[in-house]
Protein backbone atom coordinates (compact mmCIF):
# COMPACT_ATOMS: atom_id res chain seq x y z
CA MET A 1 68.41 30.34 -69.64
CA ARG A 2 66.23 29.45 -72.08
CA LEU A 3 68.76 27.32 -73.61
CA ILE A 4 69.64 25.86 -70.46
CA SER A 5 65.77 25.23 -70.37
CA LEU A 6 65.63 23.50 -73.52
CA ALA A 7 68.72 21.69 -72.31
CA SER A 8 66.50 20.19 -69.93
CA LYS A 9 63.98 19.82 -72.15
CA SER A 10 66.10 17.55 -73.98
CA MET A 11 67.34 15.72 -71.39
CA LEU A 12 64.12 14.52 -70.67
CA ASN A 13 62.77 13.57 -74.11
CA ARG A 14 66.07 11.22 -73.36
CA LYS A 15 65.61 10.31 -69.66
CA ALA A 16 67.06 6.47 -69.98
CA SER A 17 70.55 7.05 -71.45
CA VAL A 18 70.58 10.18 -69.35
CA LEU A 19 69.83 8.80 -65.89
CA LEU A 20 71.98 5.41 -66.56
CA THR A 21 74.57 7.51 -67.50
CA LEU A 22 73.64 10.13 -64.17
CA PHE A 23 73.68 7.09 -61.76
CA THR A 24 76.98 6.80 -63.14
CA ILE A 25 78.52 9.16 -62.06
CA ALA A 26 76.67 9.32 -58.58
CA ILE A 27 78.28 6.42 -57.95
CA SER A 28 81.61 6.91 -58.99
CA VAL A 29 81.61 10.05 -56.56
CA MET A 30 79.95 8.45 -54.10
CA LEU A 31 83.20 5.97 -53.84
CA LEU A 32 85.75 8.75 -53.93
CA LEU A 33 84.12 10.58 -51.75
CA THR A 34 84.15 7.84 -49.56
CA ILE A 35 87.33 6.89 -50.16
CA GLU A 36 88.48 9.43 -49.08
CA ARG A 37 87.16 10.50 -45.96
CA VAL A 38 87.49 6.67 -44.57
CA ARG A 39 91.22 7.71 -44.83
CA GLN A 40 90.78 11.19 -43.62
CA GLU A 41 89.31 10.19 -40.40
CA ALA A 42 91.44 6.46 -40.17
CA LYS A 43 94.37 8.77 -39.63
CA SER A 44 92.48 11.01 -37.56
CA SER A 45 90.83 8.10 -35.18
CA PHE A 46 94.50 6.64 -34.70
CA SER A 47 96.32 9.73 -34.43
CA ASN A 48 93.23 10.39 -31.79
CA THR A 49 93.44 7.51 -29.86
CA VAL A 50 96.72 8.62 -27.86
CA SER A 51 97.92 11.63 -27.00
CA GLY A 52 100.18 13.77 -24.20
CA THR A 53 102.00 10.18 -23.93
CA ASP A 54 105.87 10.99 -24.35
CA LEU A 55 106.56 7.52 -24.35
CA ILE A 56 105.34 3.80 -24.80
CA VAL A 57 107.58 1.01 -23.61
CA GLY A 58 107.53 -2.96 -24.46
CA ALA A 59 110.02 -5.48 -25.11
CA ARG A 60 111.66 -5.62 -27.84
CA SER A 61 109.79 -6.07 -30.83
CA GLY A 62 108.97 -3.68 -33.85
CA ASP A 63 107.97 0.05 -33.26
CA ILE A 64 104.76 -0.24 -35.53
CA GLN A 65 103.79 -4.04 -33.86
CA LEU A 66 104.44 -2.25 -30.16
CA LEU A 67 102.42 0.56 -30.74
CA LEU A 68 99.42 -1.16 -32.61
CA SER A 69 98.96 -3.78 -29.78
CA SER A 70 99.90 -1.02 -26.68
CA VAL A 71 97.60 1.03 -28.00
CA PHE A 72 94.53 0.20 -30.96
CA ARG A 73 94.82 -3.70 -29.27
CA ILE A 74 95.86 -5.51 -32.45
CA GLY A 75 98.07 -8.34 -32.65
CA HIS A 76 99.81 -8.91 -29.58
CA THR A 77 103.35 -9.35 -28.25
CA ASN A 78 105.28 -12.47 -27.48
CA ASN A 79 107.63 -11.06 -24.56
CA SER A 80 107.10 -8.53 -21.84
CA VAL A 81 108.57 -6.42 -19.43
CA SER A 82 109.02 -7.14 -16.12
CA TRP A 83 107.92 -5.88 -13.03
CA ASP A 84 111.07 -4.79 -11.48
CA SER A 85 112.19 -3.03 -14.77
CA TYR A 86 108.72 -0.86 -14.76
CA GLN A 87 109.40 -0.03 -11.20
CA ASP A 88 113.06 0.80 -11.90
CA ILE A 89 111.95 3.16 -15.03
CA LYS A 90 109.62 4.56 -13.64
CA ALA A 91 111.85 5.55 -10.54
CA GLN A 92 113.94 7.41 -13.08
CA ARG A 93 114.49 11.26 -12.95
CA GLY A 94 112.30 13.09 -15.41
CA VAL A 95 109.58 10.28 -15.74
CA SER A 96 106.08 12.28 -14.17
CA TRP A 97 103.55 9.53 -14.31
CA THR A 98 103.55 6.19 -15.83
CA ILE A 99 100.34 3.82 -16.60
CA PRO A 100 100.81 -0.29 -16.79
CA ILE A 101 99.07 -1.83 -19.12
CA SER A 102 98.55 -5.63 -18.96
CA LEU A 103 96.92 -7.54 -22.16
CA GLY A 104 95.80 -11.16 -23.12
CA ASP A 105 92.78 -11.75 -21.83
CA SER A 106 89.41 -11.10 -23.31
CA HIS A 107 85.41 -11.37 -22.51
CA LYS A 108 83.39 -11.94 -25.43
CA GLY A 109 85.87 -11.05 -28.35
CA HIS A 110 86.39 -7.77 -26.15
CA ALA A 111 89.66 -7.40 -25.25
CA VAL A 112 90.49 -7.08 -21.59
CA LEU A 113 93.09 -4.45 -20.22
CA GLY A 114 94.90 -4.54 -17.07
CA THR A 115 95.89 -1.40 -15.25
CA ASP A 116 95.56 1.17 -12.50
CA SER A 117 94.11 4.21 -11.05
CA ALA A 118 96.68 5.80 -13.04
CA TYR A 119 95.34 4.91 -16.75
CA PHE A 120 91.73 7.23 -15.24
CA GLU A 121 94.27 9.80 -14.23
CA HIS A 122 96.89 10.29 -16.90
CA PHE A 123 95.27 8.30 -20.29
CA ARG A 124 94.57 11.34 -22.31
CA TYR A 125 92.81 10.22 -26.49
CA GLY A 126 91.28 13.38 -29.02
CA LYS A 127 93.31 16.72 -27.87
CA LYS A 128 94.36 15.66 -24.64
CA GLN A 129 90.90 14.62 -23.72
CA THR A 130 89.99 12.90 -20.67
CA LEU A 131 88.01 9.75 -19.79
CA ALA A 132 85.07 10.12 -18.13
CA PHE A 133 82.66 8.10 -16.81
CA THR A 134 78.81 8.07 -18.46
CA ALA A 135 77.88 6.02 -15.34
CA GLY A 136 79.73 4.58 -12.32
CA ARG A 137 83.24 5.00 -11.10
CA ALA A 138 86.52 3.92 -11.52
CA PHE A 139 87.64 0.09 -9.75
CA VAL A 140 88.43 0.61 -6.12
CA ASN A 141 89.15 -3.07 -5.34
CA ALA A 142 89.91 -6.14 -7.24
CA GLN A 143 86.39 -7.34 -7.79
CA GLU A 144 85.43 -4.63 -10.00
CA VAL A 145 85.70 -3.75 -13.34
CA VAL A 146 85.09 -0.60 -15.59
CA LEU A 147 83.60 -1.13 -19.45
CA GLY A 148 84.17 1.27 -22.13
CA SER A 149 80.99 2.53 -23.78
CA ASP A 150 80.69 0.06 -26.91
CA VAL A 151 81.34 -3.31 -24.98
CA ALA A 152 78.28 -2.20 -22.50
CA GLN A 153 75.95 -1.16 -25.45
CA LYS A 154 76.15 -3.92 -27.44
CA MET A 155 76.27 -6.42 -24.38
CA HIS A 156 73.73 -4.41 -22.64
CA TYR A 157 75.33 -4.48 -19.16
CA GLN A 158 74.37 -2.21 -16.27
CA LEU A 159 75.98 -1.21 -13.24
CA GLY A 160 75.72 -4.07 -10.75
CA GLN A 161 76.09 -7.21 -13.02
CA GLN A 162 79.07 -9.34 -12.68
CA ILE A 163 81.04 -10.99 -15.63
CA VAL A 164 83.64 -13.54 -16.43
CA ILE A 165 86.78 -12.88 -17.74
CA SER A 166 88.00 -15.62 -20.78
CA HIS A 167 92.10 -15.98 -20.81
CA GLY A 168 92.94 -15.53 -24.77
CA MET A 169 92.55 -13.05 -27.78
CA GLY A 170 89.77 -12.24 -29.66
CA ASN A 171 86.91 -14.46 -29.66
CA THR A 172 89.01 -17.43 -28.91
CA SER A 173 89.01 -18.26 -25.49
CA PHE A 174 91.21 -20.99 -23.34
CA HIS A 175 90.11 -20.78 -20.31
CA HIS A 176 87.23 -18.96 -18.58
CA HIS A 177 87.80 -17.41 -14.95
CA ASP A 178 84.04 -18.00 -13.86
CA ASP A 179 85.75 -19.11 -10.75
CA ASN A 180 86.35 -15.22 -9.70
CA PRO A 181 83.53 -13.09 -11.56
CA MET A 182 84.03 -9.24 -11.65
CA THR A 183 81.07 -6.85 -10.63
CA ILE A 184 80.79 -4.03 -13.35
CA VAL A 185 81.41 -0.40 -11.83
CA GLY A 186 81.58 1.71 -14.02
CA ILE A 187 81.07 2.95 -17.99
CA LEU A 188 82.84 5.27 -19.95
CA ALA A 189 81.73 8.08 -22.26
CA PRO A 190 82.13 6.70 -25.91
CA THR A 191 85.37 8.39 -26.79
CA GLY A 192 85.60 7.18 -30.70
CA THR A 193 89.18 4.95 -29.57
CA PRO A 194 89.75 1.51 -28.64
CA VAL A 195 89.00 2.43 -25.41
CA ASP A 196 85.11 1.94 -26.17
CA LYS A 197 85.74 -1.99 -27.18
CA THR A 198 88.05 -2.74 -23.88
CA VAL A 199 87.19 -3.89 -20.16
CA HIS A 200 89.34 -2.67 -17.86
CA VAL A 201 90.53 -4.20 -14.64
CA PRO A 202 93.34 -3.57 -12.06
CA LEU A 203 95.87 -5.68 -12.31
CA ALA A 204 95.71 -7.02 -9.09
CA ALA A 205 92.80 -9.14 -10.47
CA ILE A 206 94.63 -10.42 -13.74
CA GLU A 207 97.51 -11.51 -10.75
CA ALA A 208 95.47 -13.22 -9.28
CA MET A 209 93.38 -14.77 -12.22
CA HIS A 210 96.45 -16.22 -13.25
CA SER A 211 98.44 -17.10 -10.47
CA GLN A 212 95.38 -19.34 -8.91
CA PRO A 213 96.75 -22.81 -8.76
CA LYS A 214 94.86 -24.72 -11.18
CA SER A 215 93.86 -27.88 -8.39
CA THR A 216 91.71 -25.29 -6.89
CA PRO A 217 89.84 -23.42 -9.34
CA ARG A 218 86.42 -24.67 -7.36
CA MET A 219 86.97 -22.83 -3.66
CA LEU A 220 86.87 -19.37 -4.74
CA GLY A 221 83.07 -19.43 -6.70
CA LYS A 222 80.87 -22.33 -5.06
CA PRO A 223 78.08 -21.07 -7.32
CA LYS A 224 75.22 -21.87 -4.32
CA GLN A 225 77.07 -20.80 -0.98
CA PRO A 226 74.61 -19.40 1.34
CA ALA A 227 74.63 -15.55 1.10
CA GLY A 228 76.50 -15.88 4.50
CA HIS A 229 79.11 -17.68 3.37
CA LYS A 230 80.92 -14.64 1.60
CA HIS A 231 80.71 -12.27 4.48
CA ASP A 232 82.21 -14.83 6.88
CA HIS A 233 85.07 -15.47 4.62
CA GLN A 234 85.67 -11.93 4.20
CA ASP A 235 86.48 -11.67 7.93
CA GLU A 236 88.72 -15.04 8.59
CA HIS A 237 91.96 -12.71 9.29
CA GLY A 238 89.85 -10.85 12.20
CA HIS A 239 87.71 -12.65 13.59
CA HIS A 240 88.24 -16.24 13.74
CA ASP A 241 84.89 -17.20 15.45
CA SER A 242 83.11 -15.67 12.38
CA HIS A 243 85.49 -17.59 10.32
CA ASP A 244 84.81 -21.22 12.03
CA HIS A 245 80.62 -19.77 11.44
CA GLY A 246 80.78 -19.67 7.74
CA HIS A 247 82.55 -23.09 7.41
CA ALA A 248 80.89 -24.99 9.33
CA ASP A 249 79.81 -27.15 6.94
CA GLU A 250 83.45 -28.11 6.13
CA HIS A 251 84.41 -28.78 9.40
CA GLU A 252 81.84 -31.19 10.00
CA HIS A 253 83.05 -32.60 6.82
CA HIS A 254 86.61 -32.89 8.48
CA ASP A 255 85.34 -34.46 11.76
CA SER A 256 82.69 -37.09 9.50
CA HIS A 257 86.39 -37.82 8.01
CA ASP A 258 87.84 -38.09 11.18
CA HIS A 259 85.22 -39.71 12.69
CA ASP A 260 85.27 -42.20 9.68
CA HIS A 261 89.33 -42.26 10.24
CA ASP A 262 89.40 -46.08 12.74
CA SER A 263 87.04 -47.97 9.83
CA HIS A 264 89.62 -47.08 6.83
CA ASP A 265 92.59 -49.25 5.65
CA HIS A 266 95.74 -48.18 6.69
CA ASP A 267 97.15 -47.10 3.03
CA HIS A 268 95.31 -43.65 3.46
CA ALA A 269 96.50 -42.72 6.77
CA ASP A 270 99.04 -39.75 5.17
CA GLU A 271 95.69 -38.23 4.42
CA HIS A 272 94.13 -38.43 7.68
CA GLU A 273 97.24 -37.23 9.30
CA HIS A 274 96.53 -33.56 7.57
CA HIS A 275 93.47 -33.76 8.18
CA ASP A 276 94.08 -34.06 11.91
CA SER A 277 96.97 -31.25 11.94
CA HIS A 278 94.29 -29.08 9.85
CA ASP A 279 91.87 -29.88 13.26
CA HIS A 280 94.50 -29.44 15.18
CA GLY A 281 95.56 -25.65 14.36
CA HIS A 282 91.47 -24.53 14.56
CA GLY A 283 92.06 -25.78 18.03
CA HIS A 284 94.82 -22.74 18.54
CA ASP A 285 92.91 -20.65 16.54
CA LYS A 286 94.62 -20.55 13.50
CA PRO A 287 93.00 -19.79 10.21
CA ASP A 288 91.88 -22.63 7.77
CA THR A 289 94.55 -23.45 5.48
CA VAL A 290 92.49 -24.94 2.70
CA ALA A 291 89.63 -22.45 3.21
CA VAL A 292 92.63 -19.84 2.24
CA ALA A 293 93.99 -21.50 -0.74
CA VAL A 294 92.94 -19.25 -2.83
CA PRO A 295 92.46 -15.78 -1.53
CA ALA A 296 89.03 -14.41 -1.23
CA PRO A 297 87.62 -11.46 -2.72
CA ALA A 298 88.25 -9.96 0.80
CA ASP A 299 92.32 -10.66 0.97
CA LEU A 300 92.58 -8.80 -3.01
CA HIS A 301 91.01 -5.68 -1.94
CA GLY A 302 93.83 -3.98 -0.37
CA ASP A 303 96.31 -3.37 -3.37
CA LEU A 304 95.13 -2.10 -6.69
CA ILE A 305 98.19 -2.76 -8.55
CA GLY A 306 100.14 -5.23 -6.90
CA GLU A 307 103.23 -6.85 -7.95
CA PRO A 308 102.62 -8.81 -10.86
CA LYS A 309 105.46 -10.63 -12.41
CA GLN A 310 105.03 -9.06 -15.59
CA ILE A 311 102.97 -6.85 -17.59
CA THR A 312 102.37 -5.94 -21.28
CA ALA A 313 103.93 -2.48 -21.45
CA PHE A 314 103.32 0.81 -20.37
CA LEU A 315 102.47 4.46 -21.26
CA MET A 316 104.80 7.34 -20.24
CA GLY A 317 104.50 11.59 -19.46
CA LEU A 318 107.68 12.79 -18.77
CA ASP A 319 108.32 16.40 -16.54
CA SER A 320 109.76 18.01 -19.97
CA PRO A 321 109.85 17.16 -23.28
CA LEU A 322 113.45 17.76 -22.98
CA TYR A 323 114.01 14.20 -21.13
CA THR A 324 111.80 11.96 -24.06
CA LEU A 325 115.59 11.59 -26.02
CA GLN A 326 117.91 10.71 -23.25
CA ILE A 327 115.29 8.45 -21.10
CA ARG A 328 114.60 6.97 -24.81
CA ARG A 329 117.88 5.92 -25.29
CA ASN A 330 118.84 4.81 -21.62
CA ILE A 331 115.52 2.36 -21.63
CA ASN A 332 116.65 1.26 -25.51
CA ASN A 333 119.80 0.49 -23.52
CA TYR A 334 118.74 -1.29 -20.59
CA LYS A 335 120.37 -4.15 -19.54
CA ALA A 336 118.19 -6.05 -17.59
CA GLU A 337 116.33 -7.21 -20.28
CA PRO A 338 115.84 -6.22 -23.91
CA LEU A 339 113.36 -3.37 -23.99
CA LEU A 340 112.23 -0.91 -26.82
CA ALA A 341 110.53 2.82 -26.34
CA ILE A 342 108.64 4.65 -29.41
CA MET A 343 107.54 7.84 -29.09
CA PRO A 344 103.75 7.42 -30.57
CA GLY A 345 103.98 10.73 -33.25
CA VAL A 346 106.83 9.32 -35.01
CA THR A 347 105.43 6.03 -35.21
CA LEU A 348 102.13 7.06 -35.94
CA ARG A 349 104.03 8.47 -39.35
CA GLU A 350 106.44 5.68 -40.08
CA LEU A 351 103.17 3.72 -39.87
CA TRP A 352 101.58 6.10 -42.36
CA ARG A 353 104.58 6.24 -44.61
CA MET A 354 104.14 2.77 -44.80
CA LEU A 355 100.65 2.58 -45.87
CA GLY A 356 101.09 5.28 -48.24
CA LEU A 357 101.10 3.52 -51.48
CA VAL A 358 97.90 2.11 -50.38
CA GLU A 359 96.29 5.29 -50.15
CA LYS A 360 97.32 6.44 -53.38
CA ILE A 361 96.64 2.88 -55.04
CA LEU A 362 92.71 3.55 -53.30
CA LEU A 363 92.84 7.25 -54.50
CA LEU A 364 93.38 6.13 -58.17
CA PHE A 365 90.98 3.01 -57.99
CA SER A 366 88.38 5.64 -57.08
CA ALA A 367 89.65 8.03 -60.04
CA VAL A 368 89.23 5.86 -62.64
CA VAL A 369 86.06 4.88 -61.54
CA VAL A 370 84.84 9.35 -62.07
CA LEU A 371 87.11 8.57 -65.43
CA ILE A 372 84.94 5.30 -66.88
CA SER A 373 81.58 7.18 -65.86
CA LEU A 374 82.15 10.75 -67.42
CA LEU A 375 83.49 9.21 -70.73
CA GLY A 376 80.45 6.77 -70.66
CA MET A 377 78.47 9.85 -70.31
CA LEU A 378 81.33 11.02 -73.87
CA THR A 379 79.97 8.18 -75.53
CA THR A 380 76.35 8.68 -74.32
CA LEU A 381 76.34 11.97 -75.69
CA LEU A 382 77.96 11.42 -79.25
CA ALA A 383 75.81 8.61 -79.97
CA THR A 384 72.41 9.85 -79.53
CA LEU A 385 74.35 13.12 -82.03
CA ASN A 386 73.10 11.06 -85.09
CA GLN A 387 69.64 10.47 -83.85
CA ARG A 388 69.61 13.88 -82.46
CA ARG A 389 69.73 15.39 -85.96
CA ARG A 390 66.12 16.01 -86.81
CA GLU A 391 65.78 18.52 -82.82
CA LEU A 392 68.98 20.47 -83.97
CA ALA A 393 67.80 20.65 -87.79
CA ILE A 394 64.46 22.57 -86.39
CA LEU A 395 66.55 24.30 -84.22
CA ARG A 396 68.69 25.61 -86.40
CA SER A 397 65.01 26.78 -88.51
CA VAL A 398 64.08 28.41 -86.07
CA GLY A 399 66.71 30.79 -85.83
CA ALA A 400 69.77 29.11 -83.59
CA ARG A 401 72.84 29.90 -84.77
CA PRO A 402 75.70 27.34 -84.72
CA ARG A 403 77.25 29.08 -81.60
CA HIS A 404 73.72 28.29 -79.70
CA ILE A 405 74.37 24.52 -80.91
CA PHE A 406 76.96 24.68 -79.44
CA THR A 407 76.34 26.06 -75.83
CA LEU A 408 73.31 23.82 -75.88
CA MET A 409 75.74 20.52 -76.33
CA SER A 410 77.79 21.84 -73.84
CA SER A 411 75.24 23.11 -71.44
CA GLU A 412 73.53 19.30 -71.09
CA ALA A 413 76.77 17.53 -70.38
CA ILE A 414 77.15 19.93 -67.32
CA LEU A 415 74.01 19.64 -66.48
CA ILE A 416 74.32 15.63 -66.37
CA THR A 417 77.80 15.89 -64.35
CA ALA A 418 76.36 18.75 -61.83
CA ALA A 419 72.96 16.43 -61.03
CA GLY A 420 75.48 13.33 -61.05
CA CYS A 421 77.93 14.92 -58.32
CA THR A 422 74.82 16.68 -56.04
CA LEU A 423 72.87 12.74 -56.29
CA GLY A 424 76.86 11.12 -54.84
CA ILE A 425 77.15 13.46 -52.07
CA ALA A 426 73.79 12.57 -51.16
CA LEU A 427 74.86 8.82 -51.59
CA PHE A 428 77.74 8.92 -49.93
CA TYR A 429 75.80 11.09 -46.38
CA ALA A 430 73.66 7.85 -46.98
CA LEU A 431 76.68 5.32 -47.56
CA ILE A 432 78.73 7.02 -43.90
CA ALA A 433 75.01 7.20 -41.78
CA LEU A 434 74.46 3.04 -42.59
CA ALA A 435 78.45 2.61 -41.73
CA GLN A 436 79.36 4.83 -39.04
CA GLY A 437 78.16 1.97 -36.66
CA THR A 438 80.11 -0.87 -38.71
CA LEU A 439 83.15 1.09 -39.09
CA GLN A 440 83.11 2.30 -35.17
CA SER A 441 82.81 -0.87 -33.79
CA GLN A 442 84.80 -2.93 -36.06
CA PHE A 443 87.80 -0.47 -37.05
CA GLY A 444 87.46 1.86 -34.49
CA VAL A 445 87.33 4.42 -37.30
CA SER A 446 84.52 6.85 -36.00
CA LEU A 447 82.96 8.69 -39.39
CA SER A 448 81.69 12.35 -38.87
CA ILE A 449 78.96 13.47 -41.34
CA SER A 450 80.13 16.95 -41.96
CA LEU A 451 80.31 19.02 -44.61
CA LEU A 452 82.88 18.20 -47.44
CA SER A 453 85.99 19.15 -46.51
CA HIS A 454 87.89 21.70 -48.64
CA TYR A 455 90.26 18.93 -50.51
CA GLU A 456 86.83 17.17 -51.19
CA LEU A 457 84.80 20.22 -52.37
CA MET A 458 88.63 21.02 -55.24
CA LEU A 459 87.59 16.64 -55.84
CA ILE A 460 84.09 17.71 -57.30
CA GLY A 461 85.14 21.09 -58.96
CA VAL A 462 87.74 18.36 -60.93
CA ILE A 463 84.27 16.73 -61.58
CA MET A 464 83.15 19.26 -63.04
CA ALA A 465 86.04 20.22 -65.39
CA ALA A 466 86.55 17.03 -66.26
CA GLY A 467 82.47 16.79 -66.90
CA THR A 468 82.80 20.05 -68.83
CA LEU A 469 85.68 19.22 -70.81
CA MET A 470 84.00 15.99 -72.09
CA GLY A 471 80.88 17.94 -73.30
CA ILE A 472 82.94 19.74 -75.45
CA LEU A 473 83.64 17.36 -78.10
CA PRO A 474 79.79 16.64 -79.04
CA ALA A 475 79.04 20.70 -78.62
CA THR A 476 82.31 21.23 -81.57
CA ARG A 477 81.01 18.30 -83.25
CA ALA A 478 77.24 19.16 -83.52
CA TYR A 479 78.93 23.32 -83.54
CA PHE A 480 81.11 22.53 -86.80
CA TYR A 481 78.61 19.81 -89.21
CA SER A 482 75.99 22.92 -88.40
CA LEU A 483 78.32 25.11 -89.56
CA SER A 484 78.63 22.97 -92.94
CA ASP A 485 75.15 21.88 -92.97
CA GLY A 486 72.10 24.21 -91.28
CA MET A 487 69.70 21.51 -92.16
CA SER A 488 71.47 18.39 -91.50
CA ILE A 489 74.63 17.03 -89.40
CA LYS A 490 76.28 14.44 -91.64
CA LEU A 491 78.13 11.29 -89.29
């Protein structure tokens, strides 16, 4: 203990060089632990994104490409799965449930996922955890939308607000569906997966937006219509009188148009005949064909699933794992169209094998940084050995033996390494706390502020052992020099 106290006081006398060495070791330890924690958590986050899903089916491409696009919203697929093929595979023996997925739209940089009610019932993440709501509920009609937790938090959305979906992935939007705003009815609880950054809409809404005629985008959303217009328009199928009342302005337009017919030239005769037949139809209690050219919200409320022409992919759960290989083979050999079925767990392992070289390079890089910092400590101890000649000679004169000199020098190296590791761990936790939100929102990697794992503790132990070995060399030189000359050290 006296030697440790003496070593501490000796380092205080050389605090400038000692602090520089200490911070070098601390930064290298922080870098090593951060790389290792991010690597582990990235694997865990990817593995926990989807669980309980036996197969993922999409158009034939690559296994990893299908996994990344359908589950992690990374990249995109060039082809789709026809709705008829989806229904056919869904009806096969051994299939317990399916979740259709339609991608390709976005909202202010967030992916939009079209699906049905099976998504909230069967989708699992983590250790087969179900999706939960922090507010609201699941959608029940084609004008409602459910947000992931990150979307709601980042955009400061609340229940009841309306949002507009855009066509195009990421921040690039080719067309805004502002004629069909959707109401927020639910906000999902955080999952630490891409679900948090996703806007969920019914398949029927995706189909309605993409099937609207280009010539009539204005008819669904007249922003300055009276409040009663929507209500009366929704009742047009059941009550023609309300329809006529809700579209009074439109009929006035046709009446005035017909009234001006006599003053128009004959080259517009076809157009006037169209309006005459339109008015004639109303006289026989038939719906206004112009007003219902694009379905109103009430027309879409009946069927959440709808029958889209195609979807991006779908998830499958089977009655028994025994069906997995058989159904996968049947899908891969599907004759109606080229399809690909993958097992998520197997594909993830293949992905990590591909990234194994990157992991090794990162670990090697961090290990080299640690080694350089320890070599810097060794250089500092050797460089100051000649300057400490008087200090060591005084210790010998008061009775210190060569072994005491050896212990003193090695203790300094151990203390510097231990202090550097402690400071490095503190910096590591501070960095994790600061980068936690960014990694979660930008890359979907959830970092947990938890105790060091056994592997991380082993890395710290290796660094301590390496620091001790680095301190042995200057301690050995001081030992032998003190044997040859008790009052001085010759270098």
